[in-house]
């Protein structure tokens, strides 16, 4: 295991760090999904595809 992975594993044992890390990961995941949705809208994807992406984002948010 490399040094960065060992350090992250050690930091994740700290509840405060773990909570902040997971919140930031969720935030970045949602931002990425929203950017993909914007690109799909700009490229005139079908309404069905767009609704599927929105549903996917909603499911992710509900599971987070």
PDB file of N, CA and C in Angstrom:
ATOM      1  N   UNK A   1       0.854  -1.176   0.000  1.00  0.00           N
ATOM      2  CA  UNK A   1       0.000   0.000   0.000  1.00  0.00           C
ATOM      3  C   UNK A   1       0.897   1.236   0.000  1.00  0.00           C
ATOM      4  N   UNK A   2       0.559   2.209  -0.822  1.00  0.00           N
ATOM      5  CA  UNK A   2       1.423   3.382  -0.865  1.00  0.00           C
ATOM      6  C   UNK A   2       1.120   4.330   0.292  1.00  0.00           C
ATOM      7  N   UNK A   3       1.945   5.317   0.457  1.00  0.00           N
ATOM      8  CA  UNK A   3       1.871   6.234   1.595  1.00  0.00           C
ATOM      9  C   UNK A   3       0.548   6.990   1.623  1.00  0.00           C
ATOM     10  N   UNK A   4       0.088   7.457   0.462  1.00  0.00           N
ATOM     11  CA  UNK A   4      -1.166   8.220   0.409  1.00  0.00           C
ATOM     12  C   UNK A   4      -2.352   7.369   0.849  1.00  0.00           C
ATOM     13  N   UNK A   5      -2.392   6.113   0.395  1.00  0.00           N
ATOM     14  CA  UNK A   5      -3.492   5.225   0.789  1.00  0.00           C
ATOM     15  C   UNK A   5      -3.454   4.943   2.286  1.00  0.00           C
ATOM     16  N   UNK A   6      -2.266   4.744   2.824  1.00  0.00           N
ATOM     17  CA  UNK A   6      -2.130   4.502   4.267  1.00  0.00           C
ATOM     18  C   UNK A   6      -2.584   5.725   5.061  1.00  0.00           C
ATOM     19  N   UNK A   7      -2.194   6.902   4.601  1.00  0.00           N
ATOM     20  CA  UNK A   7      -2.579   8.138   5.284  1.00  0.00           C
ATOM     21  C   UNK A   7      -4.097   8.317   5.250  1.00  0.00           C
ATOM     22  N   UNK A   8      -4.709   8.103   4.084  1.00  0.00           N
ATOM     23  CA  UNK A   8      -6.158   8.238   3.963  1.00  0.00           C
ATOM     24  C   UNK A   8      -6.867   7.237   4.872  1.00  0.00           C
ATOM     25  N   UNK A   9      -6.388   6.019   4.895  1.00  0.00           N
ATOM     26  CA  UNK A   9      -6.995   4.993   5.755  1.00  0.00           C
ATOM     27  C   UNK A   9      -6.926   5.421   7.222  1.00  0.00           C
ATOM     28  N   UNK A  10      -5.796   5.973   7.631  1.00  0.00           N
ATOM     29  CA  UNK A  10      -5.630   6.433   9.009  1.00  0.00           C
ATOM     30  C   UNK A  10      -6.580   7.603   9.293  1.00  0.00           C
ATOM     31  N   UNK A  11      -6.670   8.546   8.360  1.00  0.00           N
ATOM     32  CA  UNK A  11      -7.535   9.710   8.553  1.00  0.00           C
ATOM     33  C   UNK A  11      -9.013   9.310   8.614  1.00  0.00           C
ATOM     34  N   UNK A  12      -9.403   8.306   7.837  1.00  0.00           N
ATOM     35  CA  UNK A  12     -10.798   7.877   7.816  1.00  0.00           C
ATOM     36  C   UNK A  12     -11.239   7.259   9.139  1.00  0.00           C
ATOM     37  N   UNK A  13     -10.295   6.914   9.985  1.00  0.00           N
ATOM     38  CA  UNK A  13     -10.664   6.386  11.300  1.00  0.00           C
ATOM     39  C   UNK A  13     -11.137   7.512  12.228  1.00  0.00           C
ATOM     40  N   UNK A  14     -10.867   8.759  11.844  1.00  0.00           N
ATOM     41  CA  UNK A  14     -11.336   9.929  12.589  1.00  0.00           C
ATOM     42  C   UNK A  14     -12.742  10.267  12.108  1.00  0.00           C
ATOM     43  N   UNK A  15     -13.730  10.229  12.999  1.00  0.00           N
ATOM     44  CA  UNK A  15     -15.134  10.433  12.618  1.00  0.00           C
ATOM     45  C   UNK A  15     -15.376  11.779  11.943  1.00  0.00           C
ATOM     46  N   UNK A  16     -14.778  12.840  12.456  1.00  0.00           N
ATOM     47  CA  UNK A  16     -14.965  14.164  11.875  1.00  0.00           C
ATOM     48  C   UNK A  16     -14.430  14.231  10.461  1.00  0.00           C
ATOM     49  N   UNK A  17     -13.245  13.681  10.267  1.00  0.00           N
ATOM     50  CA  UNK A  17     -12.644  13.661   8.931  1.00  0.00           C
ATOM     51  C   UNK A  17     -13.483  12.818   7.983  1.00  0.00           C
ATOM     52  N   UNK A  18     -13.886  11.649   8.451  1.00  0.00           N
ATOM     53  CA  UNK A  18     -14.675  10.748   7.612  1.00  0.00           C
ATOM     54  C   UNK A  18     -15.967  11.418   7.153  1.00  0.00           C
ATOM     55  N   UNK A  19     -16.661  12.090   8.085  1.00  0.00           N
ATOM     56  CA  UNK A  19     -17.912  12.779   7.746  1.00  0.00           C
ATOM     57  C   UNK A  19     -17.665  13.865   6.704  1.00  0.00           C
ATOM     58  N   UNK A  20     -16.643  14.668   6.902  1.00  0.00           N
ATOM     59  CA  UNK A  20     -16.316  15.742   5.953  1.00  0.00           C
ATOM     60  C   UNK A  20     -15.926  15.173   4.588  1.00  0.00           C
ATOM     61  N   UNK A  21     -15.141  14.120   4.605  1.00  0.00           N
ATOM     62  CA  UNK A  21     -14.700  13.469   3.373  1.00  0.00           C
ATOM     63  C   UNK A  21     -15.899  12.952   2.580  1.00  0.00           C
ATOM     64  N   UNK A  22     -16.802  12.266   3.255  1.00  0.00           N
ATOM     65  CA  UNK A  22     -17.969  11.701   2.576  1.00  0.00           C
ATOM     66  C   UNK A  22     -18.897  12.792   2.055  1.00  0.00           C
ATOM     67  N   UNK A  23     -19.090  13.865   2.832  1.00  0.00           N
ATOM     68  CA  UNK A  23     -19.914  14.979   2.368  1.00  0.00           C
ATOM     69  C   UNK A  23     -19.330  15.608   1.114  1.00  0.00           C
ATOM     70  N   UNK A  24     -18.029  15.808   1.103  1.00  0.00           N
ATOM     71  CA  UNK A  24     -17.376  16.411  -0.061  1.00  0.00           C
ATOM     72  C   UNK A  24     -17.449  15.474  -1.266  1.00  0.00           C
ATOM     73  N   UNK A  25     -17.304  14.179  -1.041  1.00  0.00           N
ATOM     74  CA  UNK A  25     -17.404  13.210  -2.130  1.00  0.00           C
ATOM     75  C   UNK A  25     -18.797  13.238  -2.747  1.00  0.00           C
ATOM     76  N   UNK A  26     -19.824  13.271  -1.919  1.00  0.00           N
ATOM     77  CA  UNK A  26     -21.200  13.334  -2.417  1.00  0.00           C
ATOM     78  C   UNK A  26     -21.402  14.616  -3.215  1.00  0.00           C
ATOM     79  N   UNK A  27     -20.915  15.718  -2.682  1.00  0.00           N
ATOM     80  CA  UNK A  27     -21.048  17.009  -3.370  1.00  0.00           C
ATOM     81  C   UNK A  27     -20.397  16.959  -4.751  1.00  0.00           C
ATOM     82  N   UNK A  28     -19.186  16.428  -4.831  1.00  0.00           N
ATOM     83  CA  UNK A  28     -18.488  16.348  -6.108  1.00  0.00           C
ATOM     84  C   UNK A  28     -19.175  15.390  -7.074  1.00  0.00           C
ATOM     85  N   UNK A  29     -19.680  14.286  -6.565  1.00  0.00           N
ATOM     86  CA  UNK A  29     -20.413  13.330  -7.405  1.00  0.00           C
ATOM     87  C   UNK A  29     -21.653  13.987  -8.014  1.00  0.00           C
ATOM     88  N   UNK A  30     -22.390  14.736  -7.212  1.00  0.00           N
ATOM     89  CA  UNK A  30     -23.597  15.402  -7.698  1.00  0.00           C
ATOM     90  C   UNK A  30     -23.231  16.479  -8.716  1.00  0.00           C
ATOM     91  N   UNK A  31     -22.196  17.251  -8.435  1.00  0.00           N
ATOM     92  CA  UNK A  31     -21.762  18.282  -9.383  1.00  0.00           C
ATOM     93  C   UNK A  31     -21.395  17.652 -10.724  1.00  0.00           C
ATOM     94  N   UNK A  32     -20.708  16.530 -10.685  1.00  0.00           N
ATOM     95  CA  UNK A  32     -20.325  15.836 -11.916  1.00  0.00           C
ATOM     96  C   UNK A  32     -21.570  15.383 -12.680  1.00  0.00           C
ATOM     97  N   UNK A  33     -22.517  14.783 -11.978  1.00  0.00           N
ATOM     98  CA  UNK A  33     -23.742  14.312 -12.622  1.00  0.00           C
ATOM     99  C   UNK A  33     -24.533  15.474 -13.221  1.00  0.00           C
ATOM    100  N   UNK A  34     -24.570  16.605 -12.535  1.00  0.00           N
ATOM    101  CA  UNK A  34     -25.268  17.775 -13.058  1.00  0.00           C
ATOM    102  C   UNK A  34     -24.578  18.335 -14.305  1.00  0.00           C
ATOM    103  N   UNK A  35     -23.266  18.321 -14.325  1.00  0.00           N
ATOM    104  CA  UNK A  35     -22.528  18.771 -15.515  1.00  0.00           C
ATOM    105  C   UNK A  35     -22.831  17.856 -16.703  1.00  0.00           C
ATOM    106  N   UNK A  36     -22.892  16.555 -16.444  1.00  0.00           N
ATOM    107  CA  UNK A  36     -23.246  15.615 -17.505  1.00  0.00           C
ATOM    108  C   UNK A  36     -24.659  15.879 -18.011  1.00  0.00           C
ATOM    109  N   UNK A  37     -25.568  16.180 -17.110  1.00  0.00           N
ATOM    110  CA  UNK A  37     -26.942  16.500 -17.495  1.00  0.00           C
ATOM    111  C   UNK A  37     -26.982  17.767 -18.356  1.00  0.00           C
ATOM    112  N   UNK A  38     -26.217  18.787 -17.984  1.00  0.00           N
ATOM    113  CA  UNK A  38     -26.152  20.017 -18.780  1.00  0.00           C
ATOM    114  C   UNK A  38     -25.672  19.726 -20.197  1.00  0.00           C
ATOM    115  N   UNK A  39     -24.630  18.911 -20.308  1.00  0.00           N
ATOM    116  CA  UNK A  39     -24.099  18.550 -21.631  1.00  0.00           C
ATOM    117  C   UNK A  39     -25.161  17.826 -22.452  1.00  0.00           C
ATOM    118  N   UNK A  40     -25.900  16.939 -21.805  1.00  0.00           N
ATOM    119  CA  UNK A  40     -26.960  16.220 -22.508  1.00  0.00           C
ATOM    120  C   UNK A  40     -28.064  17.166 -22.964  1.00  0.00           C
ATOM    121  N   UNK A  41     -28.396  18.145 -22.157  1.00  0.00           N
ATOM    122  CA  UNK A  41     -29.411  19.134 -22.539  1.00  0.00           C
ATOM    123  C   UNK A  41     -28.910  19.950 -23.726  1.00  0.00           C
ATOM    124  N   UNK A  42     -27.653  20.385 -23.660  1.00  0.00           N
ATOM    125  CA  UNK A  42     -27.084  21.189 -24.740  1.00  0.00           C
ATOM    126  C   UNK A  42     -26.988  20.410 -26.050  1.00  0.00           C
ATOM    127  N   UNK A  43     -26.810  19.104 -25.950  1.00  0.00           N
ATOM    128  CA  UNK A  43     -26.707  18.284 -27.162  1.00  0.00           C
ATOM    129  C   UNK A  43     -28.068  17.753 -27.611  1.00  0.00           C
ATOM    130  N   UNK A  44     -29.122  18.264 -26.979  1.00  0.00           N
ATOM    131  CA  UNK A  44     -30.501  17.945 -27.361  1.00  0.00           C
ATOM    132  C   UNK A  44     -30.816  16.455 -27.284  1.00  0.00           C
ATOM    133  N   UNK A  45     -30.403  15.845 -26.193  1.00  0.00           N
ATOM    134  CA  UNK A  45     -30.767  14.437 -25.968  1.00  0.00           C
ATOM    135  C   UNK A  45     -32.277  14.326 -25.838  1.00  0.00           C
ATOM    136  N   UNK A  46     -32.777  13.142 -25.974  1.00  0.00           N
ATOM    137  CA  UNK A  46     -34.227  12.934 -25.910  1.00  0.00           C
ATOM    138  C   UNK A  46     -34.747  13.213 -24.496  1.00  0.00           C
ATOM    139  N   UNK A  47     -35.991  13.649 -24.402  1.00  0.00           N
ATOM    140  CA  UNK A  47     -36.570  13.884 -23.071  1.00  0.00           C
ATOM    141  C   UNK A  47     -36.503  12.651 -22.167  1.00  0.00           C
ATOM    142  N   UNK A  48     -36.654  11.476 -22.754  1.00  0.00           N
ATOM    143  CA  UNK A  48     -36.584  10.245 -21.964  1.00  0.00           C
ATOM    144  C   UNK A  48     -35.199  10.065 -21.336  1.00  0.00           C
ATOM    145  N   UNK A  49     -34.160  10.349 -22.124  1.00  0.00           N
ATOM    146  CA  UNK A  49     -32.792  10.248 -21.599  1.00  0.00           C
ATOM    147  C   UNK A  49     -32.560  11.264 -20.482  1.00  0.00           C
ATOM    148  N   UNK A  50     -33.063  12.474 -20.679  1.00  0.00           N
ATOM    149  CA  UNK A  50     -32.887  13.524 -19.670  1.00  0.00           C
ATOM    150  C   UNK A  50     -33.621  13.169 -18.382  1.00  0.00           C
ATOM    151  N   UNK A  51     -34.831  12.671 -18.521  1.00  0.00           N
ATOM    152  CA  UNK A  51     -35.598  12.274 -17.332  1.00  0.00           C
ATOM    153  C   UNK A  51     -34.894  11.132 -16.612  1.00  0.00           C
ATOM    154  N   UNK A  52     -34.323  10.211 -17.359  1.00  0.00           N
ATOM    155  CA  UNK A  52     -33.581   9.102 -16.747  1.00  0.00           C
ATOM    156  C   UNK A  52     -32.384   9.628 -15.947  1.00  0.00           C
ATOM    157  N   UNK A  53     -31.678  10.613 -16.489  1.00  0.00           N
ATOM    158  CA  UNK A  53     -30.543  11.206 -15.760  1.00  0.00           C
ATOM    159  C   UNK A  53     -31.014  11.900 -14.487  1.00  0.00           C
ATOM    160  N   UNK A  54     -32.116  12.656 -14.579  1.00  0.00           N
ATOM    161  CA  UNK A  54     -32.658  13.341 -13.400  1.00  0.00           C
ATOM    162  C   UNK A  54     -33.052  12.308 -12.347  1.00  0.00           C
ATOM    163  N   UNK A  55     -33.714  11.235 -12.780  1.00  0.00           N
ATOM    164  CA  UNK A  55     -34.106  10.170 -11.849  1.00  0.00           C
ATOM    165  C   UNK A  55     -32.880   9.549 -11.172  1.00  0.00           C
ATOM    166  N   UNK A  56     -31.829   9.369 -11.950  1.00  0.00           N
ATOM    167  CA  UNK A  56     -30.594   8.801 -11.404  1.00  0.00           C
ATOM    168  C   UNK A  56     -29.988   9.725 -10.340  1.00  0.00           C
ATOM    169  N   UNK A  57     -29.992  11.020 -10.603  1.00  0.00           N
ATOM    170  CA  UNK A  57     -29.472  11.993  -9.633  1.00  0.00           C
ATOM    171  C   UNK A  57     -30.335  11.981  -8.376  1.00  0.00           C
ATOM    172  N   UNK A  58     -31.646  11.943  -8.541  1.00  0.00           N
ATOM    173  CA  UNK A  58     -32.548  11.889  -7.393  1.00  0.00           C
ATOM    174  C   UNK A  58     -32.289  10.654  -6.542  1.00  0.00           C
ATOM    175  N   UNK A  59     -32.114   9.508  -7.194  1.00  0.00           N
ATOM    176  CA  UNK A  59     -31.847   8.270  -6.443  1.00  0.00           C
ATOM    177  C   UNK A  59     -30.537   8.366  -5.681  1.00  0.00           C
ATOM    178  N   UNK A  60     -29.529   8.963  -6.309  1.00  0.00           N
ATOM    179  CA  UNK A  60     -28.236   9.117  -5.640  1.00  0.00           C
ATOM    180  C   UNK A  60     -28.376   9.993  -4.406  1.00  0.00           C
ATOM    181  N   UNK A  61     -29.104  11.089  -4.545  1.00  0.00           N
ATOM    182  CA  UNK A  61     -29.291  12.009  -3.413  1.00  0.00           C
ATOM    183  C   UNK A  61     -30.033  11.317  -2.282  1.00  0.00           C
ATOM    184  N   UNK A  62     -31.067  10.555  -2.617  1.00  0.00           N
ATOM    185  CA  UNK A  62     -31.857   9.876  -1.589  1.00  0.00           C
ATOM    186  C   UNK A  62     -31.037   8.799  -0.869  1.00  0.00           C
ATOM    187  N   UNK A  63     -30.064   8.208  -1.565  1.00  0.00           N
ATOM    188  CA  UNK A  63     -29.264   7.150  -0.949  1.00  0.00           C
ATOM    189  C   UNK A  63     -28.090   7.696  -0.144  1.00  0.00           C
ATOM    190  N   UNK A  64     -27.766   8.981  -0.366  1.00  0.00           N
ATOM    191  CA  UNK A  64     -26.594   9.573   0.313  1.00  0.00           C
ATOM    192  C   UNK A  64     -26.919   9.973   1.730  1.00  0.00           C
TER     193      UNK A  64
END
